[in-house]
C-alpha atoms as a PDB file:
ATOM      1  CA  TYR A   1      23.973  26.498  25.057  1.00  0.00           C
ATOM      2  CA  LEU A   2      22.162  24.846  27.738  1.00  0.00           C
ATOM      3  CA  SER A   3      24.322  22.189  28.148  1.00  0.00           C
ATOM      4  CA  ALA A   4      27.366  24.686  28.455  1.00  0.00           C
ATOM      5  CA  THR A   5      25.723  26.732  30.802  1.00  0.00           C
ATOM      6  CA  TRP A   6      23.182  24.531  32.925  1.00  0.00           C
ATOM      7  CA  HIS A   7      24.014  20.879  33.955  1.00  0.00           C
ATOM      8  CA  ASN A   8      23.067  18.239  31.328  1.00  0.00           C
ATOM      9  CA  ASP A   9      20.148  16.710  34.039  1.00  0.00           C
ATOM     10  CA  GLU A  10      18.802  20.420  33.949  1.00  0.00           C
ATOM     11  CA  ALA A  11      19.092  21.348  30.188  1.00  0.00           C
ATOM     12  CA  ARG A  12      17.320  17.567  29.223  1.00  0.00           C
ATOM     13  CA  TRP A  13      14.364  18.797  31.682  1.00  0.00           C
ATOM     14  CA  TRP A  14      14.099  21.635  30.063  1.00  0.00           C
ATOM     15  CA  LEU A  15      14.114  20.084  26.434  1.00  0.00           C
ATOM     16  CA  GLY A  16      11.425  17.048  28.435  1.00  0.00           C
ATOM     17  CA  LEU A  17       8.927  20.561  29.714  1.00  0.00           C
ATOM     18  CA  ALA A  18       8.828  22.499  26.779  1.00  0.00           C
ATOM     19  CA  SER A  19       7.579  19.363  24.838  1.00  0.00           C
ATOM     20  CA  VAL A  20       5.238  18.522  26.642  1.00  0.00           C
ATOM     21  CA  ALA A  21       3.511  22.182  26.351  1.00  0.00           C
ATOM     22  CA  THR A  22       3.871  22.085  22.668  1.00  0.00           C
ATOM     23  CA  LEU A  23       2.028  18.863  22.825  1.00  0.00           C
ATOM     24  CA  VAL A  24      -0.807  20.538  24.875  1.00  0.00           C
ATOM     25  CA  GLN A  25      -0.659  23.027  22.704  1.00  0.00           C
ATOM     26  CA  THR A  26      -1.322  21.603  19.316  1.00  0.00           C
ATOM     27  CA  GLY A  27      -3.707  19.487  21.352  1.00  0.00           C
ATOM     28  CA  ILE A  28      -5.388  22.712  21.772  1.00  0.00           C
ATOM     29  CA  LEU A  29      -5.335  23.510  18.107  1.00  0.00           C
ATOM     30  CA  TRP A  30      -6.258  19.909  16.777  1.00  0.00           C
ATOM     31  CA  TRP A  31      -9.723  20.200  19.079  1.00  0.00           C
ATOM     32  CA  SER A  32     -10.127  24.481  17.712  1.00  0.00           C
ATOM     33  CA  LEU A  33      -9.497  23.396  13.835  1.00  0.00           C
ATOM     34  CA  PRO A  34     -13.456  23.228  13.600  1.00  0.00           C
ATOM     35  CA  TYR A  35     -13.862  26.241  14.158  1.00  0.00           C
ATOM     36  CA  ASN A  36     -11.799  28.076  11.857  1.00  0.00           C
ATOM     37  CA  HIS A  37     -14.117  30.190  10.441  1.00  0.00           C
ATOM     38  CA  ARG A  38     -15.896  33.799  10.922  1.00  0.00           C
ATOM     39  CA  PRO A  39     -18.373  34.025  13.599  1.00  0.00           C
ATOM     40  CA  SER A  40     -21.407  34.754  11.307  1.00  0.00           C
ATOM     41  CA  GLU A  41     -20.427  31.600   8.658  1.00  0.00           C
ATOM     42  CA  ALA A  42     -20.217  27.892   8.988  1.00  0.00           C
ATOM     43  CA  THR A  43     -17.588  27.782   5.541  1.00  0.00           C
ATOM     44  CA  LEU A  44     -13.982  26.667   6.998  1.00  0.00           C
ATOM     45  CA  PHE A  45     -10.999  28.384   5.812  1.00  0.00           C
ATOM     46  CA  PRO A  46      -9.011  26.857   3.495  1.00  0.00           C
ATOM     47  CA  LYS A  47      -5.120  28.302   6.022  1.00  0.00           C
ATOM     48  CA  LEU A  48      -5.034  29.143   9.133  1.00  0.00           C
ATOM     49  CA  GLY A  49      -4.013  32.961   8.423  1.00  0.00           C
ATOM     50  CA  PHE A  50      -1.744  35.321   9.142  1.00  0.00           C
ATOM     51  CA  ALA A  51      -3.046  36.154  12.722  1.00  0.00           C
ATOM     52  CA  ASN A  52      -3.583  32.342  13.315  1.00  0.00           C
ATOM     53  CA  ALA A  53       0.349  32.258  12.752  1.00  0.00           C
ATOM     54  CA  LEU A  54       1.085  34.999  15.355  1.00  0.00           C
ATOM     55  CA  THR A  55      -0.746  33.657  18.134  1.00  0.00           C
ATOM     56  CA  LEU A  56       0.704  30.147  17.448  1.00  0.00           C
ATOM     57  CA  THR A  57       4.263  31.933  17.356  1.00  0.00           C
ATOM     58  CA  ARG A  58       3.254  33.531  21.070  1.00  0.00           C
ATOM     59  CA  GLY A  59       2.215  29.805  21.893  1.00  0.00           C
ATOM     60  CA  LEU A  60       5.707  28.677  20.679  1.00  0.00           C
ATOM     61  CA  LEU A  61       7.019  31.073  22.695  1.00  0.00           C
ATOM     62  CA  THR A  62       5.241  30.326  25.917  1.00  0.00           C
ATOM     63  CA  CYS A  63       6.461  26.526  25.498  1.00  0.00           C
ATOM     64  CA  LEU A  64      10.267  27.452  25.108  1.00  0.00           C
ATOM     65  CA  LEU A  65       9.362  29.326  28.612  1.00  0.00           C
ATOM     66  CA  ALA A  66       8.333  26.308  30.425  1.00  0.00           C
ATOM     67  CA  GLY A  67      11.151  24.791  29.789  1.00  0.00           C
ATOM     68  CA  PHE A  68      12.621  27.207  32.750  1.00  0.00           C
ATOM     69  CA  LEU A  69      10.132  25.751  35.634  1.00  0.00           C
ATOM     70  CA  PHE A  70      11.549  23.528  38.391  1.00  0.00           C
ATOM     71  CA  THR A  71      15.154  24.657  37.573  1.00  0.00           C
ATOM     72  CA  SER A  72      17.868  26.550  39.356  1.00  0.00           C
ATOM     73  CA  GLN A  73      18.010  29.916  37.997  1.00  0.00           C
ATOM     74  CA  PRO A  74      20.342  30.349  35.180  1.00  0.00           C
ATOM     75  CA  THR A  75      23.156  33.116  34.563  1.00  0.00           C
ATOM     76  CA  GLY A  76      24.865  35.213  32.316  1.00  0.00           C
ATOM     77  CA  LEU A  77      23.112  36.017  29.250  1.00  0.00           C
ATOM     78  CA  LEU A  78      20.606  33.142  30.037  1.00  0.00           C
ATOM     79  CA  LEU A  79      19.541  34.405  32.993  1.00  0.00           C
ATOM     80  CA  TRP A  80      17.206  36.925  30.645  1.00  0.00           C
ATOM     81  CA  VAL A  81      16.078  34.718  28.227  1.00  0.00           C
ATOM     82  CA  PRO A  82      12.576  33.998  30.980  1.00  0.00           C
ATOM     83  CA  ALA A  83      12.180  37.917  30.130  1.00  0.00           C
ATOM     84  CA  LEU A  84      12.343  37.996  26.790  1.00  0.00           C
ATOM     85  CA  LEU A  85      10.609  35.149  25.533  1.00  0.00           C
ATOM     86  CA  TYR A  86       7.806  36.004  27.458  1.00  0.00           C
ATOM     87  CA  THR A  87       7.553  40.056  27.044  1.00  0.00           C
ATOM     88  CA  VAL A  88       8.063  39.533  22.904  1.00  0.00           C
ATOM     89  CA  GLU A  89       4.534  36.649  23.739  1.00  0.00           C
ATOM     90  CA  ARG A  90       3.077  39.737  24.998  1.00  0.00           C
ATOM     91  CA  MET A  91       4.073  42.112  22.466  1.00  0.00           C
ATOM     92  CA  ILE A  92       2.665  39.714  19.804  1.00  0.00           C
ATOM     93  CA  ASP A  93      -0.509  39.041  21.485  1.00  0.00           C
ATOM     94  CA  TYR A  94      -0.955  43.210  21.274  1.00  0.00           C
ATOM     95  CA  ILE A  95      -1.262  42.556  17.451  1.00  0.00           C
ATOM     96  CA  ASP A  96      -2.629  38.941  16.483  1.00  0.00           C
ATOM     97  CA  GLY A  97      -6.376  40.106  16.976  1.00  0.00           C
ATOM     98  CA  PHE A  98      -5.312  43.664  15.581  1.00  0.00           C
ATOM     99  CA  VAL A  99      -4.500  41.969  12.266  1.00  0.00           C
ATOM    100  CA  ALA A 100      -7.262  39.194  12.256  1.00  0.00           C
ATOM    101  CA  ARG A 101      -9.715  42.588  12.446  1.00  0.00           C
ATOM    102  CA  ILE A 102      -8.063  44.556   9.376  1.00  0.00           C
ATOM    103  CA  THR A 103      -7.650  41.201   7.495  1.00  0.00           C
ATOM    104  CA  ASP A 104     -11.223  40.123   8.447  1.00  0.00           C
ATOM    105  CA  ARG A 105     -10.300  37.266   9.667  1.00  0.00           C
ATOM    106  CA  GLU A 106     -11.392  36.652  13.457  1.00  0.00           C
ATOM    107  CA  THR A 107     -12.508  33.273  13.502  1.00  0.00           C
ATOM    108  CA  LYS A 108     -13.537  31.387  17.025  1.00  0.00           C
ATOM    109  CA  LEU A 109     -10.388  29.630  16.562  1.00  0.00           C
ATOM    110  CA  GLY A 110      -8.744  32.665  16.745  1.00  0.00           C
ATOM    111  CA  ALA A 111     -10.764  33.628  19.958  1.00  0.00           C
ATOM    112  CA  ILE A 112     -10.148  29.640  21.411  1.00  0.00           C
ATOM    113  CA  LEU A 113      -6.188  29.867  20.949  1.00  0.00           C
ATOM    114  CA  ASP A 114      -5.941  33.632  23.020  1.00  0.00           C
ATOM    115  CA  MET A 115      -7.481  32.576  25.449  1.00  0.00           C
ATOM    116  CA  GLU A 116      -5.985  29.266  25.914  1.00  0.00           C
ATOM    117  CA  PHE A 117      -2.482  30.482  25.062  1.00  0.00           C
ATOM    118  CA  ASP A 118      -3.136  33.866  27.786  1.00  0.00           C
ATOM    119  CA  GLY A 119      -3.723  31.568  30.298  1.00  0.00           C
ATOM    120  CA  LEU A 120      -1.013  29.068  29.724  1.00  0.00           C
ATOM    121  CA  GLY A 121       1.329  31.351  29.378  1.00  0.00           C
ATOM    122  CA  ILE A 122       0.451  33.584  32.983  1.00  0.00           C
ATOM    123  CA  LEU A 123       0.323  30.800  34.403  1.00  0.00           C
ATOM    124  CA  ILE A 124       3.527  29.519  33.014  1.00  0.00           C
ATOM    125  CA  ALA A 125       5.630  32.761  33.385  1.00  0.00           C
ATOM    126  CA  SER A 126       3.712  33.360  37.355  1.00  0.00           C
ATOM    127  CA  GLY A 127       4.910  30.341  38.439  1.00  0.00           C
ATOM    128  CA  ILE A 128       9.210  31.229  36.647  1.00  0.00           C
ATOM    129  CA  ALA A 129       8.682  34.567  38.763  1.00  0.00           C
ATOM    130  CA  ILE A 130       7.575  32.789  42.048  1.00  0.00           C
ATOM    131  CA  GLN A 131      10.833  30.528  41.871  1.00  0.00           C
ATOM    132  CA  TYR A 132      13.065  33.335  40.942  1.00  0.00           C
ATOM    133  CA  GLY A 133      11.786  34.889  44.187  1.00  0.00           C
ATOM    134  CA  LYS A 134      10.030  38.086  42.133  1.00  0.00           C
ATOM    135  CA  LEU A 135       6.667  37.096  43.454  1.00  0.00           C
ATOM    136  CA  PRO A 136       5.170  35.420  46.581  1.00  0.00           C
ATOM    137  CA  ILE A 137       4.159  32.033  46.050  1.00  0.00           C
ATOM    138  CA  TRP A 138       0.037  33.031  46.757  1.00  0.00           C
ATOM    139  CA  TYR A 139      -0.207  34.683  43.299  1.00  0.00           C
ATOM    140  CA  LEU A 140      -0.160  31.083  41.674  1.00  0.00           C
ATOM    141  CA  ILE A 141      -3.727  31.057  42.609  1.00  0.00           C
ATOM    142  CA  LEU A 142      -4.135  34.207  40.446  1.00  0.00           C
ATOM    143  CA  GLY A 143      -1.719  32.746  37.711  1.00  0.00           C
ATOM    144  CA  LEU A 144      -4.944  30.091  37.872  1.00  0.00           C
ATOM    145  CA  GLY A 145      -7.750  32.511  38.409  1.00  0.00           C
ATOM    146  CA  ARG A 146      -9.166  31.579  35.214  1.00  0.00           C
ATOM    147  CA  GLN A 147      -9.165  27.666  35.288  1.00  0.00           C
ATOM    148  CA  LEU A 148     -10.433  28.284  38.978  1.00  0.00           C
ATOM    149  CA  PHE A 149     -13.313  30.664  37.631  1.00  0.00           C
ATOM    150  CA  LEU A 150     -14.062  28.208  34.856  1.00  0.00           C
ATOM    151  CA  PHE A 151     -13.943  25.191  37.120  1.00  0.00           C
ATOM    152  CA  GLY A 152     -16.264  26.477  39.230  1.00  0.00           C
ATOM    153  CA  MET A 153     -18.609  27.725  36.950  1.00  0.00           C
ATOM    154  CA  TRP A 154     -18.506  23.848  35.986  1.00  0.00           C
ATOM    155  CA  ILE A 155     -19.010  22.344  39.337  1.00  0.00           C
ATOM    156  CA  ARG A 156     -22.269  25.112  39.125  1.00  0.00           C
ATOM    157  CA  GLN A 157     -23.752  23.731  36.134  1.00  0.00           C
ATOM    158  CA  ARG A 158     -23.621  20.000  37.419  1.00  0.00           C
ATOM    159  CA  GLN A 159     -24.713  20.640  40.376  1.00  0.00           C
ATOM    160  CA  GLY A 160     -27.704  22.385  38.548  1.00  0.00           C
ATOM    161  CA  LYS A 161     -27.492  25.654  39.865  1.00  0.00           C
ATOM    162  CA  VAL A 162     -28.232  29.279  38.590  1.00  0.00           C
ATOM    163  CA  LEU A 163     -24.939  29.861  35.706  1.00  0.00           C
ATOM    164  CA  HIS A 164     -25.356  33.970  34.428  1.00  0.00           C
ATOM    165  CA  ASP A 165     -23.081  35.133  31.180  1.00  0.00           C
ATOM    166  CA  LEU A 166     -19.829  37.162  32.239  1.00  0.00           C
ATOM    167  CA  PRO A 167     -21.176  40.942  32.871  1.00  0.00           C
ATOM    168  CA  LEU A 168     -20.125  43.096  30.192  1.00  0.00           C
ATOM    169  CA  SER A 169     -16.756  45.119  31.302  1.00  0.00           C
ATOM    170  CA  ASP A 170     -14.551  47.612  29.815  1.00  0.00           C
ATOM    171  CA  HIS A 171     -12.046  47.311  32.388  1.00  0.00           C
ATOM    172  CA  ARG A 172     -11.003  43.413  32.095  1.00  0.00           C
ATOM    173  CA  ARG A 173      -9.691  43.247  29.448  1.00  0.00           C
ATOM    174  CA  LEU A 174      -7.315  46.751  30.416  1.00  0.00           C
ATOM    175  CA  ILE A 175      -6.872  45.255  33.668  1.00  0.00           C
ATOM    176  CA  ALA A 176      -5.516  41.838  32.350  1.00  0.00           C
ATOM    177  CA  GLY A 177      -3.491  43.516  30.356  1.00  0.00           C
ATOM    178  CA  PHE A 178      -1.892  45.211  32.694  1.00  0.00           C
ATOM    179  CA  GLN A 179      -1.212  42.116  34.824  1.00  0.00           C
ATOM    180  CA  THR A 180       0.717  40.583  32.428  1.00  0.00           C
ATOM    181  CA  SER A 181       2.657  43.485  31.495  1.00  0.00           C
ATOM    182  CA  PHE A 182       3.480  43.516  35.159  1.00  0.00           C
ATOM    183  CA  ILE A 183       4.587  39.347  35.469  1.00  0.00           C
ATOM    184  CA  SER A 184       6.452  40.544  32.099  1.00  0.00           C
ATOM    185  CA  VAL A 185       8.672  43.363  33.348  1.00  0.00           C
ATOM    186  CA  ALA A 186       8.725  41.052  37.361  1.00  0.00           C
ATOM    187  CA  LEU A 187      10.789  38.678  35.144  1.00  0.00           C
ATOM    188  CA  TRP A 188      13.398  41.290  33.830  1.00  0.00           C
ATOM    189  CA  PRO A 189      16.963  40.367  35.743  1.00  0.00           C
ATOM    190  CA  ALA A 190      17.185  44.539  36.431  1.00  0.00           C
ATOM    191  CA  LEU A 191      14.100  44.715  38.825  1.00  0.00           C
ATOM    192  CA  SER A 192      14.916  44.006  42.009  1.00  0.00           C
ATOM    193  CA  PRO A 193      12.741  41.030  44.504  1.00  0.00           C
ATOM    194  CA  GLN A 194      12.481  44.331  46.899  1.00  0.00           C
ATOM    195  CA  ILE A 195      10.306  45.983  44.411  1.00  0.00           C
ATOM    196  CA  THR A 196       8.212  43.565  42.162  1.00  0.00           C
ATOM    197  CA  LEU A 197       7.248  41.876  45.907  1.00  0.00           C
ATOM    198  CA  LEU A 198       5.446  45.412  47.121  1.00  0.00           C
ATOM    199  CA  ALA A 199       4.245  46.112  43.822  1.00  0.00           C
ATOM    200  CA  VAL A 200       2.387  43.026  43.357  1.00  0.00           C
ATOM    201  CA  TYR A 201      -0.488  43.843  45.995  1.00  0.00           C
ATOM    202  CA  PHE A 202      -0.675  46.928  43.516  1.00  0.00           C
ATOM    203  CA  PHE A 203      -1.327  44.857  41.202  1.00  0.00           C
ATOM    204  CA  ALA A 204      -2.841  42.004  42.378  1.00  0.00           C
ATOM    205  CA  VAL A 205      -5.872  44.274  43.936  1.00  0.00           C
ATOM    206  CA  PRO A 206      -7.769  45.146  40.777  1.00  0.00           C
ATOM    207  CA  LEU A 207      -7.035  41.702  39.216  1.00  0.00           C
ATOM    208  CA  ILE A 208      -8.686  40.076  42.691  1.00  0.00           C
ATOM    209  CA  LEU A 209     -11.887  42.381  42.866  1.00  0.00           C
ATOM    210  CA  SER A 210     -12.184  42.143  38.608  1.00  0.00           C
ATOM    211  CA  PHE A 211     -12.841  38.111  38.982  1.00  0.00           C
ATOM    212  CA  GLY A 212     -14.661  38.540  42.562  1.00  0.00           C
ATOM    213  CA  ARG A 213     -17.419  40.818  40.931  1.00  0.00           C
ATOM    214  CA  ASP A 214     -17.867  38.458  37.846  1.00  0.00           C
ATOM    215  CA  TRP A 215     -17.958  35.529  40.003  1.00  0.00           C
ATOM    216  CA  LEU A 216     -21.028  37.517  41.867  1.00  0.00           C
ATOM    217  CA  VAL A 217     -22.656  37.660  39.357  1.00  0.00           C
ATOM    218  CA  VAL A 218     -22.485  34.547  37.254  1.00  0.00           C
ATOM    219  CA  SER A 219     -23.143  32.621  40.438  1.00  0.00           C
ATOM    220  CA  ASP A 220     -26.608  34.978  41.063  1.00  0.00           C
ATOM    221  CA  ALA A 221     -25.008  36.315  44.115  1.00  0.00           C
ATOM    222  CA  LEU A 222     -25.528  40.232  42.593  1.00  0.00           C
ATOM    223  CA  ASP A 223     -27.919  41.167  40.106  1.00  0.00           C
ATOM    224  CA  ASN A 224     -26.090  43.321  37.676  1.00  0.00           C
ATOM    225  CA  ASP A 225     -29.163  44.790  35.909  1.00  0.00           C
ATOM    226  CA  SER A 226     -30.654  46.085  39.174  1.00  0.00           C
ATOM    227  CA  SER A 227     -31.275  49.849  39.430  1.00  0.00           C
ATOM    228  CA  ALA A 228     -29.303  49.613  42.634  1.00  0.00           C
ATOM    229  CA  TYR A 229     -26.471  47.826  41.805  1.00  0.00           C
ATOM    230  CA  GLN A 230     -25.901  50.278  38.530  1.00  0.00           C
ATOM    231  CA  GLN A 231     -26.660  53.123  40.178  1.00  0.00           C
ATOM    232  CA  ALA A 232     -23.589  52.036  43.380  1.00  0.00           C
ATOM    233  CA  ARG A 233     -21.528  51.284  40.368  1.00  0.00           C
ATOM    234  CA  ARG A 234     -21.943  54.969  38.383  1.00  0.00           C
ATOM    235  CA  ARG A 235     -21.173  56.458  42.437  1.00  0.00           C
ATOM    236  CA  ALA A 236     -18.156  54.006  42.026  1.00  0.00           C
ATOM    237  CA  LYS A 237     -17.253  55.011  38.783  1.00  0.00           C
ATOM    238  CA  THR A 238     -16.758  58.632  39.863  1.00  0.00           C
ATOM    239  CA  LEU A 239     -15.449  58.197  42.697  1.00  0.00           C
ATOM    240  CA  LEU A 240     -12.730  55.636  41.583  1.00  0.00           C
ATOM    241  CA  GLU A 241     -11.814  57.055  37.823  1.00  0.00           C
ATOM    242  CA  GLY A 242     -12.856  60.734  38.742  1.00  0.00           C
ATOM    243  CA  TRP A 243     -11.858  61.968  42.175  1.00  0.00           C
ATOM    244  CA  LEU A 244      -9.590  59.509  43.292  1.00  0.00           C
ATOM    245  CA  PRO A 245      -7.052  60.312  40.518  1.00  0.00           C
ATOM    246  CA  LEU A 246      -7.351  63.674  40.384  1.00  0.00           C
ATOM    247  CA  ALA A 247      -5.895  63.668  44.498  1.00  0.00           C
ATOM    248  CA  VAL A 248      -3.283  60.604  43.236  1.00  0.00           C
ATOM    249  CA  ARG A 249      -1.568  62.456  40.620  1.00  0.00           C
ATOM    250  CA  LEU A 250      -1.319  65.400  42.476  1.00  0.00           C
ATOM    251  CA  GLY A 251       0.114  63.566  45.651  1.00  0.00           C
ATOM    252  CA  SER A 252       2.345  61.749  43.261  1.00  0.00           C
ATOM    253  CA  GLY A 253       3.235  64.438  41.307  1.00  0.00           C
ATOM    254  CA  LEU A 254       4.415  66.382  44.833  1.00  0.00           C
ATOM    255  CA  LEU A 255       6.540  63.140  46.267  1.00  0.00           C
ATOM    256  CA  ALA A 256       7.755  63.013  42.292  1.00  0.00           C
ATOM    257  CA  LEU A 257       8.933  66.574  42.688  1.00  0.00           C
ATOM    258  CA  SER A 258      10.744  65.550  46.355  1.00  0.00           C
ATOM    259  CA  THR A 259      12.585  62.715  44.707  1.00  0.00           C
ATOM    260  CA  LEU A 260      13.926  64.544  41.628  1.00  0.00           C
ATOM    261  CA  TRP A 261      15.372  67.316  44.040  1.00  0.00           C
ATOM    262  CA  GLN A 262      16.914  65.156  46.345  1.00  0.00           C
ATOM    263  CA  MET A 263      18.800  63.893  43.379  1.00  0.00           C
ATOM    264  CA  ALA A 264      19.342  67.445  42.215  1.00  0.00           C
ATOM    265  CA  GLN A 265      21.514  67.641  45.179  1.00  0.00           C
ATOM    266  CA  GLN A 266      23.250  64.635  44.266  1.00  0.00           C
ATOM    267  CA  GLY A 267      24.059  65.680  41.450  1.00  0.00           C
ATOM    268  CA  ASN A 268      22.484  63.177  39.122  1.00  0.00           C
ATOM    269  CA  ASN A 269      22.439  63.609  35.402  1.00  0.00           C
ATOM    270  CA  SER A 270      20.973  66.890  34.752  1.00  0.00           C
ATOM    271  CA  PHE A 271      18.852  65.407  31.007  1.00  0.00           C
ATOM    272  CA  LEU A 272      17.599  62.785  32.771  1.00  0.00           C
ATOM    273  CA  LEU A 273      16.289  65.113  35.382  1.00  0.00           C
ATOM    274  CA  LEU A 274      14.899  67.273  33.213  1.00  0.00           C
ATOM    275  CA  LEU A 275      12.825  64.410  31.471  1.00  0.00           C
ATOM    276  CA  ARG A 276      11.413  63.575  34.949  1.00  0.00           C
ATOM    277  CA  THR A 277      10.392  66.492  35.528  1.00  0.00           C
ATOM    278  CA  VAL A 278       8.910  67.149  32.698  1.00  0.00           C
ATOM    279  CA  ALA A 279       6.801  63.796  33.210  1.00  0.00           C
ATOM    280  CA  THR A 280       6.309  64.852  36.882  1.00  0.00           C
ATOM    281  CA  LEU A 281       4.335  68.303  35.569  1.00  0.00           C
ATOM    282  CA  ALA A 282       2.768  65.679  32.444  1.00  0.00           C
ATOM    283  CA  LEU A 283       1.101  63.536  35.233  1.00  0.00           C
ATOM    284  CA  MET A 284      -0.074  67.021  37.761  1.00  0.00           C
ATOM    285  CA  ALA A 285      -2.102  68.330  34.280  1.00  0.00           C
ATOM    286  CA  GLY A 286      -3.443  65.532  33.355  1.00  0.00           C
ATOM    287  CA  VAL A 287      -1.738  65.722  30.240  1.00  0.00           C
ATOM    288  CA  LEU A 288      -0.682  61.465  28.839  1.00  0.00           C
ATOM    289  CA  GLY A 289      -1.611  60.746  32.196  1.00  0.00           C
ATOM    290  CA  ARG A 290      -0.705  57.456  31.630  1.00  0.00           C
ATOM    291  CA  VAL A 291       1.905  57.274  29.740  1.00  0.00           C
ATOM    292  CA  ALA A 292       3.906  60.096  32.339  1.00  0.00           C
ATOM    293  CA  ALA A 293       2.796  57.716  34.741  1.00  0.00           C
ATOM    294  CA  LEU A 294       4.832  54.438  33.110  1.00  0.00           C
ATOM    295  CA  PHE A 295       8.086  56.648  32.722  1.00  0.00           C
ATOM    296  CA  LEU A 296       8.140  57.602  36.165  1.00  0.00           C
ATOM    297  CA  VAL A 297       8.020  54.072  37.026  1.00  0.00           C
ATOM    298  CA  SER A 298      11.618  53.970  36.645  1.00  0.00           C
ATOM    299  CA  LEU A 299      12.158  57.344  38.547  1.00  0.00           C
ATOM    300  CA  ALA A 300      10.408  55.112  41.896  1.00  0.00           C
ATOM    301  CA  VAL A 301      13.004  52.231  40.984  1.00  0.00           C
ATOM    302  CA  THR A 302      16.160  54.283  40.209  1.00  0.00           C
ATOM    303  CA  ALA A 303      15.393  55.884  43.941  1.00  0.00           C
ATOM    304  CA  ILE A 304      14.113  52.518  45.856  1.00  0.00           C
ATOM    305  CA  ASN A 305      17.856  50.785  44.843  1.00  0.00           C
ATOM    306  CA  ALA A 306      19.706  53.560  46.105  1.00  0.00           C
ATOM    307  CA  ASN A 307      17.853  54.648  48.811  1.00  0.00           C
ATOM    308  CA  GLY A 308      16.382  51.523  50.236  1.00  0.00           C
ATOM    309  CA  LEU A 309      12.180  50.624  50.534  1.00  0.00           C
ATOM    310  CA  ARG A 310      11.307  53.755  52.137  1.00  0.00           C
ATOM    311  CA  LEU A 311       7.158  54.829  53.320  1.00  0.00           C
ATOM    312  CA  ASP A 312       7.271  57.615  50.698  1.00  0.00           C
ATOM    313  CA  HIS A 313       8.915  55.687  47.739  1.00  0.00           C
ATOM    314  CA  ALA A 314       5.977  53.171  48.144  1.00  0.00           C
ATOM    315  CA  LEU A 315       3.494  55.519  48.045  1.00  0.00           C
ATOM    316  CA  PHE A 316       4.683  57.185  45.160  1.00  0.00           C
ATOM    317  CA  LEU A 317       4.830  53.908  43.543  1.00  0.00           C
ATOM    318  CA  LEU A 318       1.494  52.635  44.704  1.00  0.00           C
ATOM    319  CA  GLY A 319       0.206  56.563  43.096  1.00  0.00           C
ATOM    320  CA  LEU A 320       2.003  55.623  39.520  1.00  0.00           C
ATOM    321  CA  THR A 321       0.133  52.043  40.083  1.00  0.00           C
ATOM    322  CA  ILE A 322      -3.226  53.643  40.111  1.00  0.00           C
ATOM    323  CA  ILE A 323      -2.950  56.135  37.883  1.00  0.00           C
ATOM    324  CA  ILE A 324      -1.350  53.563  35.003  1.00  0.00           C
ATOM    325  CA  HIS A 325      -4.908  51.255  35.801  1.00  0.00           C
ATOM    326  CA  LEU A 326      -7.474  53.954  36.631  1.00  0.00           C
ATOM    327  CA  GLY A 327      -6.163  56.476  34.424  1.00  0.00           C
ATOM    328  CA  CYS A 328      -6.049  61.098  35.545  1.00  0.00           C
ATOM    329  CA  GLY A 329      -9.690  61.308  36.741  1.00  0.00           C
ATOM    330  CA  LYS A 330     -11.347  64.568  36.935  1.00  0.00           C
ATOM    331  CA  LEU A 331      -9.959  67.612  35.684  1.00  0.00           C
ATOM    332  CA  ALA A 332      -6.980  65.729  33.002  1.00  0.00           C
ATOM    333  CA  LEU A 333      -6.145  68.189  30.277  1.00  0.00           C
ATOM    334  CA  TRP A 334      -5.507  65.733  27.447  1.00  0.00           C
ATOM    335  CA  MET A 335      -5.803  61.768  27.768  1.00  0.00           C
ATOM    336  CA  PRO A 336      -5.489  59.882  24.638  1.00  0.00           C
ATOM    337  CA  GLU A 337      -4.543  56.901  25.148  1.00  0.00           C
ATOM    338  CA  ASP A 338      -7.478  56.578  27.432  1.00  0.00           C
ATOM    339  CA  ARG A 339      -9.795  55.801  24.306  1.00  0.00           C
ATOM    340  CA  LEU A 340      -6.264  54.063  22.568  1.00  0.00           C
ATOM    341  CA  LEU A 341      -6.927  51.471  25.665  1.00  0.00           C
ATOM    342  CA  HIS A 342     -10.776  50.639  25.738  1.00  0.00           C
ATOM    343  CA  MET A 343     -10.892  50.195  22.001  1.00  0.00           C
ATOM    344  CA  LYS A 344      -9.536  46.966  20.585  1.00  0.00           C
ATOM    345  CA  LEU A 345      -7.701  48.284  17.197  1.00  0.00           C
ATOM    346  CA  GLY A 346      -8.501  47.194  14.060  1.00  0.00           C
ATOM    347  CA  GLU A 347     -11.999  47.087  15.121  1.00  0.00           C
ATOM    348  CA  LYS A 348     -14.675  48.308  12.667  1.00  0.00           C
ATOM    349  CA  ARG A 349     -16.875  51.228  13.647  1.00  0.00           C
ATOM    350  CA  VAL A 350     -20.593  50.543  13.580  1.00  0.00           C
ATOM    351  CA  ALA A 351     -22.249  53.777  11.822  1.00  0.00           C
END
């Protein structure tokens, strides 16, 4: 099918790159095999286990995705394959750790494979999105973020400089998850470059701030344990996770209602308008706010596609992105998704 859709040279290039990525990931697996044991034990498991099999499946999907690098953008059904590969890979990433925890098969091997496959997948997916014109070229720096961070730590270690451990963070994993989800969505052909090239700034800023804070701590430029830092952090959390989301969700709700009114005047689908109105009211009240914001992204995308990128549409999309990242803040009525996002599924609770 590749040969029929592409030129033979491109089909062979796809096979070559996919094979190279497979060799790289096989090398990572081979190097990591001695760590196939529980963190508290030294006895190796005789088999990889179902959770690691899921992680290796993610690796295979990433290898297939790698073949699309440095080739012309495919057409027809093949155009959807990169998005499908990375989306499924992201979905499996959400459950492989859960499977490891509920089967009591958490291993250092699994942690290594998860981190390395994550880093490689982000780099490959962002590279493809850039060559398809969905993301700007500077985003490649963020795609290499983990590798650059580790390289910087290695340089400091070689120079004998102070190097601290990464600080605990309840947002690092969440921000990374939102970032990879955004890359996945950006790859989908249904989303125009006009939208993704705007939204990339909204998703890049939290990631840059997260990397920046972590680097200041590990490089000894910021004392994570100082009372001054802890006090400033508490104040920032109150503002950024409390009052800012409250203002944003009210403002975004008003923008949503204005957009819905304009669509109603144009005779748009009444049932869809009703669903989006309910989601808007839920957002403003802080009821399943992140879910409502995610659903209302489709409203923002529809408005931009129909009327072009206007300031109110950009502000609406920005507001929804803030709610997705930070939650609904003060005076929210019911946000059960917050607890789910910040916990690891299947994690045993300590009594």
